[in-house]
């Protein structure tokens, strides 16, 4: 057996070292997410009954979202008004403290390709989607109930978009079989700031067709069943 002790590696060696370095960085990032997830000890936020998940569900993920809510100016019987755009919202969810912030998922609108028993029939064009940045698993939800912003301590910022309770209506594992998001049963959107439709710019027919992106932020709590129910199999990974 021979060993290459050349202190000046050739091109192939440099490529291999670069690949190994990239792999180690990826593993460190992934294990960092696992460590963060394991460290999250969440208690449910105090919320009105209207947007509180039913008993038997507990939070397992919390992310702070920063993104935009899109609106399109559409005709009404009296002229025109801003309507939520079909391709919005779009946001990125983070966790951590200043200087140690990690991206944990993305939030967007997409077609529900793997509906569950709670999905409406027929399915809408698309539903709010949350996809893990760690394993690419995703969950789709639909709004069950809402409260107006400024009406409760969990939704304190008057004038922002409302706070919501959503139910999971489908999920999908990632390409490698990851299932972080597939255990989700309910989602809360709380502490919203911004995101409301503009007060101006869409009132007459000449405004129809205008589009606008309004910045918003919010906290999203993701719930799962407190324990497996008879006849149900629930996958728990990393937590």
Foldseek 3Di string as FASTA:
>chain_A
DDDDPPPDDDPVVVVVVVVVVVVVVLVVLLVVVLVVLVPDDDADDDDDPQQDDDPQKGFRDKWKKKWWWKWFWAADPQATDTDTDPWDDWIWTWDDDVVDIDTFWIKTWDQFPFFDPPADPPHPRTFIKIATPNFRKIWGWDFDGWDAACPDPQRNDHPAHIKTKIATGGIGGHPVRHCAPVQFGIKIWTNKDKHDDDPDQHGHNVSGGDMDIIIMMTMMTTMGGPDADVPDDGDDPSD
